């Protein structure tokens, strides 16, 4: 599909000034130039024209808010001079898979003061001696070249950050979980309190039962003592009667 027609389809009845991201990968430019893109795209921040048959960026319109430009797998060999003027806020530029051979070809990128990430993978320039050191020296504003910084530390994956934000969930979910935990803890506390009360009640009952048992033993002991006293009294009475009977017998004799 021709680039101009593809861009028209991607608008989806929107006004060009409303478009912030435009992806027209795998379409075809009829003359190797950017087609169908105009200065009306004043809000455009991300533009992707991968494998679109581009050999030049000279007809790229003024895109003051453009931050990310993807033009990998084309046949661009130069003509990067106008990027600083047309896309002054560019921070990410992917030129991988193009026909860039010399450091002088990317020298105009020095004027892109906000450029932080540059990709040149699969370009002939990567075969130069001390390729990475030379590019970082030429473009001191760069942080990442082909996905790695000067210490060979890989660029952080921003998509992972977005996934963590999504996993955090909408506001309020954590609060609900905390409230549920509090409710569960409260229920456990009530159960513990009930169990403690029950044990205390059981202990009090046992003490009362022990007290009743002691009282019963004391009553039994008192009854036994009373019984012993009654027996002793009966026996004493009996001995007295026997003594009296013996005295009567002596008197009769």
C-alpha atoms as a PDB file:
ATOM      1  CA  UNK A   1       0.000   0.000   0.000  1.00  0.00           C
ATOM      2  CA  UNK A   2       1.235   3.469  -0.842  1.00  0.00           C
ATOM      3  CA  UNK A   3       2.416   5.557   2.092  1.00  0.00           C
ATOM      4  CA  UNK A   4       0.068   8.435   1.360  1.00  0.00           C
ATOM      5  CA  UNK A   5      -2.993   6.149   1.316  1.00  0.00           C
ATOM      6  CA  UNK A   6      -1.822   4.315   4.424  1.00  0.00           C
ATOM      7  CA  UNK A   7      -1.445   7.568   6.360  1.00  0.00           C
ATOM      8  CA  UNK A   8      -4.930   8.616   5.287  1.00  0.00           C
ATOM      9  CA  UNK A   9      -6.348   5.317   6.580  1.00  0.00           C
ATOM     10  CA  UNK A  10      -4.492   5.609   9.877  1.00  0.00           C
ATOM     11  CA  UNK A  11      -6.151   8.960  10.533  1.00  0.00           C
ATOM     12  CA  UNK A  12      -9.493   7.175  11.002  1.00  0.00           C
ATOM     13  CA  UNK A  13     -11.498  10.331  10.430  1.00  0.00           C
ATOM     14  CA  UNK A  14      -9.423  12.267  12.955  1.00  0.00           C
ATOM     15  CA  UNK A  15      -7.978  15.692  12.480  1.00  0.00           C
ATOM     16  CA  UNK A  16      -4.174  15.485  11.873  1.00  0.00           C
ATOM     17  CA  UNK A  17      -3.671  17.929  14.768  1.00  0.00           C
ATOM     18  CA  UNK A  18      -5.230  15.344  17.126  1.00  0.00           C
ATOM     19  CA  UNK A  19      -2.825  12.521  16.270  1.00  0.00           C
ATOM     20  CA  UNK A  20      -0.064  11.811  18.809  1.00  0.00           C
ATOM     21  CA  UNK A  21       1.163   8.461  17.395  1.00  0.00           C
ATOM     22  CA  UNK A  22       1.312   7.281  13.795  1.00  0.00           C
ATOM     23  CA  UNK A  23       2.484   3.843  12.634  1.00  0.00           C
ATOM     24  CA  UNK A  24       2.722   3.181   8.894  1.00  0.00           C
ATOM     25  CA  UNK A  25       5.193   0.269   8.833  1.00  0.00           C
ATOM     26  CA  UNK A  26       5.552  -1.873   5.699  1.00  0.00           C
ATOM     27  CA  UNK A  27       3.870   0.590   3.357  1.00  0.00           C
ATOM     28  CA  UNK A  28       5.647   1.896   0.226  1.00  0.00           C
ATOM     29  CA  UNK A  29       6.945   5.286  -0.785  1.00  0.00           C
ATOM     30  CA  UNK A  30       6.758   5.819  -4.545  1.00  0.00           C
ATOM     31  CA  UNK A  31       9.925   7.904  -4.781  1.00  0.00           C
ATOM     32  CA  UNK A  32      11.793   7.078  -1.577  1.00  0.00           C
ATOM     33  CA  UNK A  33      10.573  10.241   0.139  1.00  0.00           C
ATOM     34  CA  UNK A  34       8.070  10.785   2.988  1.00  0.00           C
ATOM     35  CA  UNK A  35       4.594  11.175   1.464  1.00  0.00           C
ATOM     36  CA  UNK A  36       1.230  12.197   2.911  1.00  0.00           C
ATOM     37  CA  UNK A  37       2.684  13.693   6.083  1.00  0.00           C
ATOM     38  CA  UNK A  38       2.237  17.440   6.551  1.00  0.00           C
ATOM     39  CA  UNK A  39       2.927  20.238   9.022  1.00  0.00           C
ATOM     40  CA  UNK A  40      -0.617  19.748  10.350  1.00  0.00           C
ATOM     41  CA  UNK A  41       0.610  16.938  12.616  1.00  0.00           C
ATOM     42  CA  UNK A  42       1.663  19.406  15.274  1.00  0.00           C
ATOM     43  CA  UNK A  43       0.879  17.023  18.188  1.00  0.00           C
ATOM     44  CA  UNK A  44       2.659  13.998  16.762  1.00  0.00           C
ATOM     45  CA  UNK A  45       5.076  12.474  19.302  1.00  0.00           C
ATOM     46  CA  UNK A  46       5.753   8.995  17.878  1.00  0.00           C
ATOM     47  CA  UNK A  47       6.240   8.216  14.172  1.00  0.00           C
ATOM     48  CA  UNK A  48       7.094   4.762  12.819  1.00  0.00           C
ATOM     49  CA  UNK A  49       7.901   4.182   9.128  1.00  0.00           C
ATOM     50  CA  UNK A  50       9.729   0.850   9.290  1.00  0.00           C
ATOM     51  CA  UNK A  51      10.411  -0.935   5.967  1.00  0.00           C
ATOM     52  CA  UNK A  52       8.655   1.764   3.950  1.00  0.00           C
ATOM     53  CA  UNK A  53      11.109   2.048   1.043  1.00  0.00           C
ATOM     54  CA  UNK A  54      12.543   5.348   2.270  1.00  0.00           C
ATOM     55  CA  UNK A  55      15.903   6.513   0.949  1.00  0.00           C
ATOM     56  CA  UNK A  56      15.714  10.052   2.310  1.00  0.00           C
ATOM     57  CA  UNK A  57      14.152  12.101   5.120  1.00  0.00           C
ATOM     58  CA  UNK A  58      14.488  15.432   3.322  1.00  0.00           C
ATOM     59  CA  UNK A  59      10.708  15.788   2.853  1.00  0.00           C
ATOM     60  CA  UNK A  60       9.873  15.077   6.487  1.00  0.00           C
ATOM     61  CA  UNK A  61       7.597  17.939   7.623  1.00  0.00           C
ATOM     62  CA  UNK A  62       8.150  20.061  10.709  1.00  0.00           C
ATOM     63  CA  UNK A  63       7.121  17.977  13.749  1.00  0.00           C
ATOM     64  CA  UNK A  64       7.943  20.106  16.824  1.00  0.00           C
ATOM     65  CA  UNK A  65       6.689  17.586  19.392  1.00  0.00           C
ATOM     66  CA  UNK A  66       8.137  14.435  17.829  1.00  0.00           C
ATOM     67  CA  UNK A  67      10.110  12.447  20.419  1.00  0.00           C
ATOM     68  CA  UNK A  68      10.524   9.043  18.783  1.00  0.00           C
ATOM     69  CA  UNK A  69      11.276   8.340  15.113  1.00  0.00           C
ATOM     70  CA  UNK A  70      11.463   4.745  13.841  1.00  0.00           C
ATOM     71  CA  UNK A  71      12.803   4.420  10.286  1.00  0.00           C
ATOM     72  CA  UNK A  72      14.684   1.123  10.459  1.00  0.00           C
ATOM     73  CA  UNK A  73      14.997  -1.316   7.526  1.00  0.00           C
ATOM     74  CA  UNK A  74      14.965   1.365   4.829  1.00  0.00           C
ATOM     75  CA  UNK A  75      17.730   2.506   2.449  1.00  0.00           C
ATOM     76  CA  UNK A  76      18.649   5.831   4.028  1.00  0.00           C
ATOM     77  CA  UNK A  77      22.297   6.701   3.426  1.00  0.00           C
ATOM     78  CA  UNK A  78      22.418  10.356   4.447  1.00  0.00           C
ATOM     79  CA  UNK A  79      20.422  13.552   4.480  1.00  0.00           C
ATOM     80  CA  UNK A  80      20.106  13.745   8.276  1.00  0.00           C
ATOM     81  CA  UNK A  81      20.916  17.458   8.351  1.00  0.00           C
ATOM     82  CA  UNK A  82      17.303  18.599   8.504  1.00  0.00           C
ATOM     83  CA  UNK A  83      16.321  16.471  11.524  1.00  0.00           C
ATOM     84  CA  UNK A  84      17.523  18.988  14.098  1.00  0.00           C
ATOM     85  CA  UNK A  85      15.490  21.747  12.468  1.00  0.00           C
ATOM     86  CA  UNK A  86      12.325  19.747  11.870  1.00  0.00           C
ATOM     87  CA  UNK A  87      12.338  17.537  14.993  1.00  0.00           C
ATOM     88  CA  UNK A  88      14.225  19.539  17.644  1.00  0.00           C
ATOM     89  CA  UNK A  89      12.793  17.540  20.553  1.00  0.00           C
ATOM     90  CA  UNK A  90      13.727  14.111  19.228  1.00  0.00           C
ATOM     91  CA  UNK A  91      14.985  11.806  21.991  1.00  0.00           C
ATOM     92  CA  UNK A  92      14.900   8.362  20.266  1.00  0.00           C
ATOM     93  CA  UNK A  93      16.053   7.687  16.695  1.00  0.00           C
ATOM     94  CA  UNK A  94      16.164   4.233  15.116  1.00  0.00           C
ATOM     95  CA  UNK A  95      18.212   4.052  11.914  1.00  0.00           C
ATOM     96  CA  UNK A  96      18.993   0.338  12.147  1.00  0.00           C
ATOM     97  CA  UNK A  97      19.157  -1.633   8.917  1.00  0.00           C
ATOM     98  CA  UNK A  98      19.898   1.390   6.713  1.00  0.00           C
ATOM     99  CA  UNK A  99      22.896   2.165   4.452  1.00  0.00           C
ATOM    100  CA  UNK A 100      24.890   4.272   6.907  1.00  0.00           C
ATOM    101  CA  UNK A 101      28.595   3.611   6.529  1.00  0.00           C
ATOM    102  CA  UNK A 102      30.597   6.523   7.907  1.00  0.00           C
ATOM    103  CA  UNK A 103      30.691   8.564  11.112  1.00  0.00           C
ATOM    104  CA  UNK A 104      30.359  11.711   9.009  1.00  0.00           C
ATOM    105  CA  UNK A 105      26.856  10.588   8.001  1.00  0.00           C
ATOM    106  CA  UNK A 106      25.589  10.822  11.587  1.00  0.00           C
ATOM    107  CA  UNK A 107      27.601  13.896  12.497  1.00  0.00           C
ATOM    108  CA  UNK A 108      24.584  16.232  11.900  1.00  0.00           C
ATOM    109  CA  UNK A 109      22.865  14.479  14.835  1.00  0.00           C
ATOM    110  CA  UNK A 110      25.098  16.546  17.117  1.00  0.00           C
ATOM    111  CA  UNK A 111      22.486  19.287  16.776  1.00  0.00           C
ATOM    112  CA  UNK A 112      19.811  17.072  18.326  1.00  0.00           C
ATOM    113  CA  UNK A 113      20.573  18.203  21.876  1.00  0.00           C
ATOM    114  CA  UNK A 114      17.834  16.038  23.431  1.00  0.00           C
ATOM    115  CA  UNK A 115      18.810  12.817  21.653  1.00  0.00           C
ATOM    116  CA  UNK A 116      19.299  10.077  24.263  1.00  0.00           C
ATOM    117  CA  UNK A 117      18.965   6.840  22.289  1.00  0.00           C
ATOM    118  CA  UNK A 118      20.317   5.985  18.816  1.00  0.00           C
ATOM    119  CA  UNK A 119      20.069   2.633  17.021  1.00  0.00           C
ATOM    120  CA  UNK A 120      22.410   1.789  14.150  1.00  0.00           C
ATOM    121  CA  UNK A 121      22.353  -2.026  14.299  1.00  0.00           C
ATOM    122  CA  UNK A 122      22.818  -3.845  10.977  1.00  0.00           C
ATOM    123  CA  UNK A 123      24.358  -0.728   9.444  1.00  0.00           C
ATOM    124  CA  UNK A 124      27.856  -0.943   7.916  1.00  0.00           C
ATOM    125  CA  UNK A 125      29.068   1.719  10.342  1.00  0.00           C
ATOM    126  CA  UNK A 126      28.972  -0.862  13.154  1.00  0.00           C
ATOM    127  CA  UNK A 127      31.955  -2.628  11.534  1.00  0.00           C
ATOM    128  CA  UNK A 128      34.269   0.340  12.129  1.00  0.00           C
ATOM    129  CA  UNK A 129      37.099   0.007  14.647  1.00  0.00           C
ATOM    130  CA  UNK A 130      36.033   1.273  18.066  1.00  0.00           C
ATOM    131  CA  UNK A 131      32.584   1.918  16.655  1.00  0.00           C
ATOM    132  CA  UNK A 132      30.851   2.415  20.009  1.00  0.00           C
ATOM    133  CA  UNK A 133      33.548   4.606  21.529  1.00  0.00           C
ATOM    134  CA  UNK A 134      33.670   6.768  18.411  1.00  0.00           C
ATOM    135  CA  UNK A 135      29.897   7.298  18.303  1.00  0.00           C
ATOM    136  CA  UNK A 136      29.697   8.192  21.991  1.00  0.00           C
ATOM    137  CA  UNK A 137      32.572  10.637  21.505  1.00  0.00           C
ATOM    138  CA  UNK A 138      30.918  12.179  18.446  1.00  0.00           C
ATOM    139  CA  UNK A 139      27.496  12.424  20.120  1.00  0.00           C
ATOM    140  CA  UNK A 140      28.165  13.134  23.819  1.00  0.00           C
ATOM    141  CA  UNK A 141      24.468  13.752  24.514  1.00  0.00           C
ATOM    142  CA  UNK A 142      23.724  10.054  23.883  1.00  0.00           C
ATOM    143  CA  UNK A 143      22.925   7.752  26.784  1.00  0.00           C
ATOM    144  CA  UNK A 144      22.237   4.562  24.804  1.00  0.00           C
ATOM    145  CA  UNK A 145      23.642   3.223  21.537  1.00  0.00           C
ATOM    146  CA  UNK A 146      22.013   0.105  20.098  1.00  0.00           C
ATOM    147  CA  UNK A 147      20.270  -0.507  23.412  1.00  0.00           C
ATOM    148  CA  UNK A 148      23.323  -0.229  25.702  1.00  0.00           C
ATOM    149  CA  UNK A 149      25.089   2.608  27.492  1.00  0.00           C
ATOM    150  CA  UNK A 150      28.838   3.238  27.558  1.00  0.00           C
ATOM    151  CA  UNK A 151      29.256   0.701  30.374  1.00  0.00           C
ATOM    152  CA  UNK A 152      27.394  -1.957  28.345  1.00  0.00           C
ATOM    153  CA  UNK A 153      24.372  -1.733  30.626  1.00  0.00           C
ATOM    154  CA  UNK A 154      21.175  -2.503  28.753  1.00  0.00           C
ATOM    155  CA  UNK A 155      18.480   0.140  28.439  1.00  0.00           C
ATOM    156  CA  UNK A 156      15.675  -0.378  31.009  1.00  0.00           C
ATOM    157  CA  UNK A 157      12.478  -1.801  29.591  1.00  0.00           C
ATOM    158  CA  UNK A 158       9.847   0.904  30.051  1.00  0.00           C
ATOM    159  CA  UNK A 159       7.114  -1.666  29.279  1.00  0.00           C
ATOM    160  CA  UNK A 160       8.007  -3.464  32.511  1.00  0.00           C
ATOM    161  CA  UNK A 161       7.391  -0.254  34.423  1.00  0.00           C
ATOM    162  CA  UNK A 162       3.951   0.049  32.803  1.00  0.00           C
ATOM    163  CA  UNK A 163       3.136  -3.573  33.691  1.00  0.00           C
ATOM    164  CA  UNK A 164       4.036  -2.906  37.359  1.00  0.00           C
ATOM    165  CA  UNK A 165       1.697   0.075  37.375  1.00  0.00           C
ATOM    166  CA  UNK A 166      -1.112  -2.050  35.914  1.00  0.00           C
ATOM    167  CA  UNK A 167      -0.506  -4.818  38.473  1.00  0.00           C
ATOM    168  CA  UNK A 168      -0.814  -2.281  41.244  1.00  0.00           C
ATOM    169  CA  UNK A 169      -4.522  -2.108  40.341  1.00  0.00           C
ATOM    170  CA  UNK A 170      -6.947   0.776  40.699  1.00  0.00           C
ATOM    171  CA  UNK A 171      -6.881   2.868  43.873  1.00  0.00           C
ATOM    172  CA  UNK A 172      -8.860   1.423  46.732  1.00  0.00           C
ATOM    173  CA  UNK A 173      -8.186  -2.272  46.169  1.00  0.00           C
ATOM    174  CA  UNK A 174      -5.346  -2.378  48.665  1.00  0.00           C
ATOM    175  CA  UNK A 175      -7.494  -0.518  51.180  1.00  0.00           C
ATOM    176  CA  UNK A 176     -10.223  -3.110  50.789  1.00  0.00           C
ATOM    177  CA  UNK A 177      -7.709  -5.902  51.331  1.00  0.00           C
ATOM    178  CA  UNK A 178      -6.419  -4.192  54.464  1.00  0.00           C
ATOM    179  CA  UNK A 179      -9.959  -3.801  55.776  1.00  0.00           C
ATOM    180  CA  UNK A 180     -10.616  -7.495  55.121  1.00  0.00           C
ATOM    181  CA  UNK A 181      -7.413  -8.386  56.963  1.00  0.00           C
ATOM    182  CA  UNK A 182      -8.473  -6.176  59.864  1.00  0.00           C
ATOM    183  CA  UNK A 183     -11.875  -7.872  59.933  1.00  0.00           C
ATOM    184  CA  UNK A 184     -10.242 -11.290  59.949  1.00  0.00           C
ATOM    185  CA  UNK A 185      -7.891 -10.257  62.740  1.00  0.00           C
ATOM    186  CA  UNK A 186     -10.850  -8.856  64.660  1.00  0.00           C
ATOM    187  CA  UNK A 187     -12.740 -12.108  64.248  1.00  0.00           C
ATOM    188  CA  UNK A 188      -9.750 -14.072  65.457  1.00  0.00           C
ATOM    189  CA  UNK A 189      -9.476 -11.726  68.416  1.00  0.00           C
ATOM    190  CA  UNK A 190     -13.154 -12.273  69.263  1.00  0.00           C
ATOM    191  CA  UNK A 191     -12.670 -16.005  69.026  1.00  0.00           C
ATOM    192  CA  UNK A 192      -9.658 -15.796  71.340  1.00  0.00           C
ATOM    193  CA  UNK A 193     -11.677 -13.672  73.769  1.00  0.00           C
ATOM    194  CA  UNK A 194     -14.555 -16.123  73.716  1.00  0.00           C
ATOM    195  CA  UNK A 195     -12.157 -19.016  74.228  1.00  0.00           C
ATOM    196  CA  UNK A 196     -10.478 -17.213  77.120  1.00  0.00           C
ATOM    197  CA  UNK A 197     -13.814 -16.385  78.697  1.00  0.00           C
ATOM    198  CA  UNK A 198     -14.852 -20.000  78.360  1.00  0.00           C
ATOM    199  CA  UNK A 199     -11.650 -21.220  79.993  1.00  0.00           C
ATOM    200  CA  UNK A 200     -12.026 -18.690  82.797  1.00  0.00           C
ATOM    201  CA  UNK A 201     -15.611 -19.768  83.275  1.00  0.00           C
ATOM    202  CA  UNK A 202     -14.508 -23.394  83.357  1.00  0.00           C
ATOM    203  CA  UNK A 203     -11.808 -22.519  85.898  1.00  0.00           C
ATOM    204  CA  UNK A 204     -14.326 -20.701  88.106  1.00  0.00           C
ATOM    205  CA  UNK A 205     -16.708 -23.629  87.857  1.00  0.00           C
ATOM    206  CA  UNK A 206     -13.921 -26.029  88.798  1.00  0.00           C
ATOM    207  CA  UNK A 207     -13.056 -23.878  91.804  1.00  0.00           C
ATOM    208  CA  UNK A 208     -16.705 -23.813  92.842  1.00  0.00           C
ATOM    209  CA  UNK A 209     -16.927 -27.563  92.423  1.00  0.00           C
ATOM    210  CA  UNK A 210     -13.736 -27.976  94.471  1.00  0.00           C
ATOM    211  CA  UNK A 211     -15.195 -25.676  97.118  1.00  0.00           C
ATOM    212  CA  UNK A 212     -18.419 -27.662  97.255  1.00  0.00           C
ATOM    213  CA  UNK A 213     -16.418 -30.845  97.548  1.00  0.00           C
ATOM    214  CA  UNK A 214     -14.353 -29.414 100.421  1.00  0.00           C
ATOM    215  CA  UNK A 215     -17.519 -28.250 102.195  1.00  0.00           C
ATOM    216  CA  UNK A 216     -19.054 -31.675 101.778  1.00  0.00           C
ATOM    217  CA  UNK A 217     -15.912 -33.263 103.242  1.00  0.00           C
ATOM    218  CA  UNK A 218     -16.007 -30.868 106.186  1.00  0.00           C
ATOM    219  CA  UNK A 219     -19.697 -31.634 106.758  1.00  0.00           C
ATOM    220  CA  UNK A 220     -18.941 -35.362 106.599  1.00  0.00           C
ATOM    221  CA  UNK A 221     -16.122 -34.908 109.111  1.00  0.00           C
ATOM    222  CA  UNK A 222     -18.405 -32.934 111.410  1.00  0.00           C
ATOM    223  CA  UNK A 223     -21.070 -35.641 111.152  1.00  0.00           C
ATOM    224  CA  UNK A 224     -18.419 -38.266 111.918  1.00  0.00           C
ATOM    225  CA  UNK A 225     -17.287 -36.283 114.979  1.00  0.00           C
ATOM    226  CA  UNK A 226     -20.864 -35.847 116.133  1.00  0.00           C
ATOM    227  CA  UNK A 227     -21.405 -39.549 115.606  1.00  0.00           C
ATOM    228  CA  UNK A 228     -18.314 -40.374 117.633  1.00  0.00           C
ATOM    229  CA  UNK A 229     -19.447 -38.076 120.426  1.00  0.00           C
ATOM    230  CA  UNK A 230     -22.885 -39.650 120.420  1.00  0.00           C
ATOM    231  CA  UNK A 231     -21.303 -43.114 120.552  1.00  0.00           C
ATOM    232  CA  UNK A 232     -19.041 -42.112 123.399  1.00  0.00           C
ATOM    233  CA  UNK A 233     -21.997 -40.661 125.262  1.00  0.00           C
ATOM    234  CA  UNK A 234     -24.025 -43.805 124.746  1.00  0.00           C
ATOM    235  CA  UNK A 235     -21.168 -45.978 125.886  1.00  0.00           C
ATOM    236  CA  UNK A 236     -20.620 -43.756 128.951  1.00  0.00           C
ATOM    237  CA  UNK A 237     -24.311 -43.915 129.759  1.00  0.00           C
ATOM    238  CA  UNK A 238     -24.217 -47.647 129.416  1.00  0.00           C
ATOM    239  CA  UNK A 239     -21.194 -47.954 131.744  1.00  0.00           C
ATOM    240  CA  UNK A 240     -22.950 -45.728 134.266  1.00  0.00           C
ATOM    241  CA  UNK A 241     -26.040 -47.890 134.193  1.00  0.00           C
ATOM    242  CA  UNK A 242     -23.903 -51.006 134.575  1.00  0.00           C
ATOM    243  CA  UNK A 243     -22.143 -49.416 137.558  1.00  0.00           C
ATOM    244  CA  UNK A 244     -25.467 -48.513 139.098  1.00  0.00           C
ATOM    245  CA  UNK A 245     -26.775 -52.013 138.575  1.00  0.00           C
ATOM    246  CA  UNK A 246     -23.700 -53.461 140.301  1.00  0.00           C
ATOM    247  CA  UNK A 247     -24.246 -51.076 143.224  1.00  0.00           C
ATOM    248  CA  UNK A 248     -27.848 -52.212 143.563  1.00  0.00           C
ATOM    249  CA  UNK A 249     -26.754 -55.818 143.620  1.00  0.00           C
ATOM    250  CA  UNK A 250     -24.277 -55.100 146.432  1.00  0.00           C
ATOM    251  CA  UNK A 251     -26.965 -53.407 148.458  1.00  0.00           C
ATOM    252  CA  UNK A 252     -29.276 -56.364 148.095  1.00  0.00           C
ATOM    253  CA  UNK A 253     -26.650 -58.709 149.478  1.00  0.00           C
END
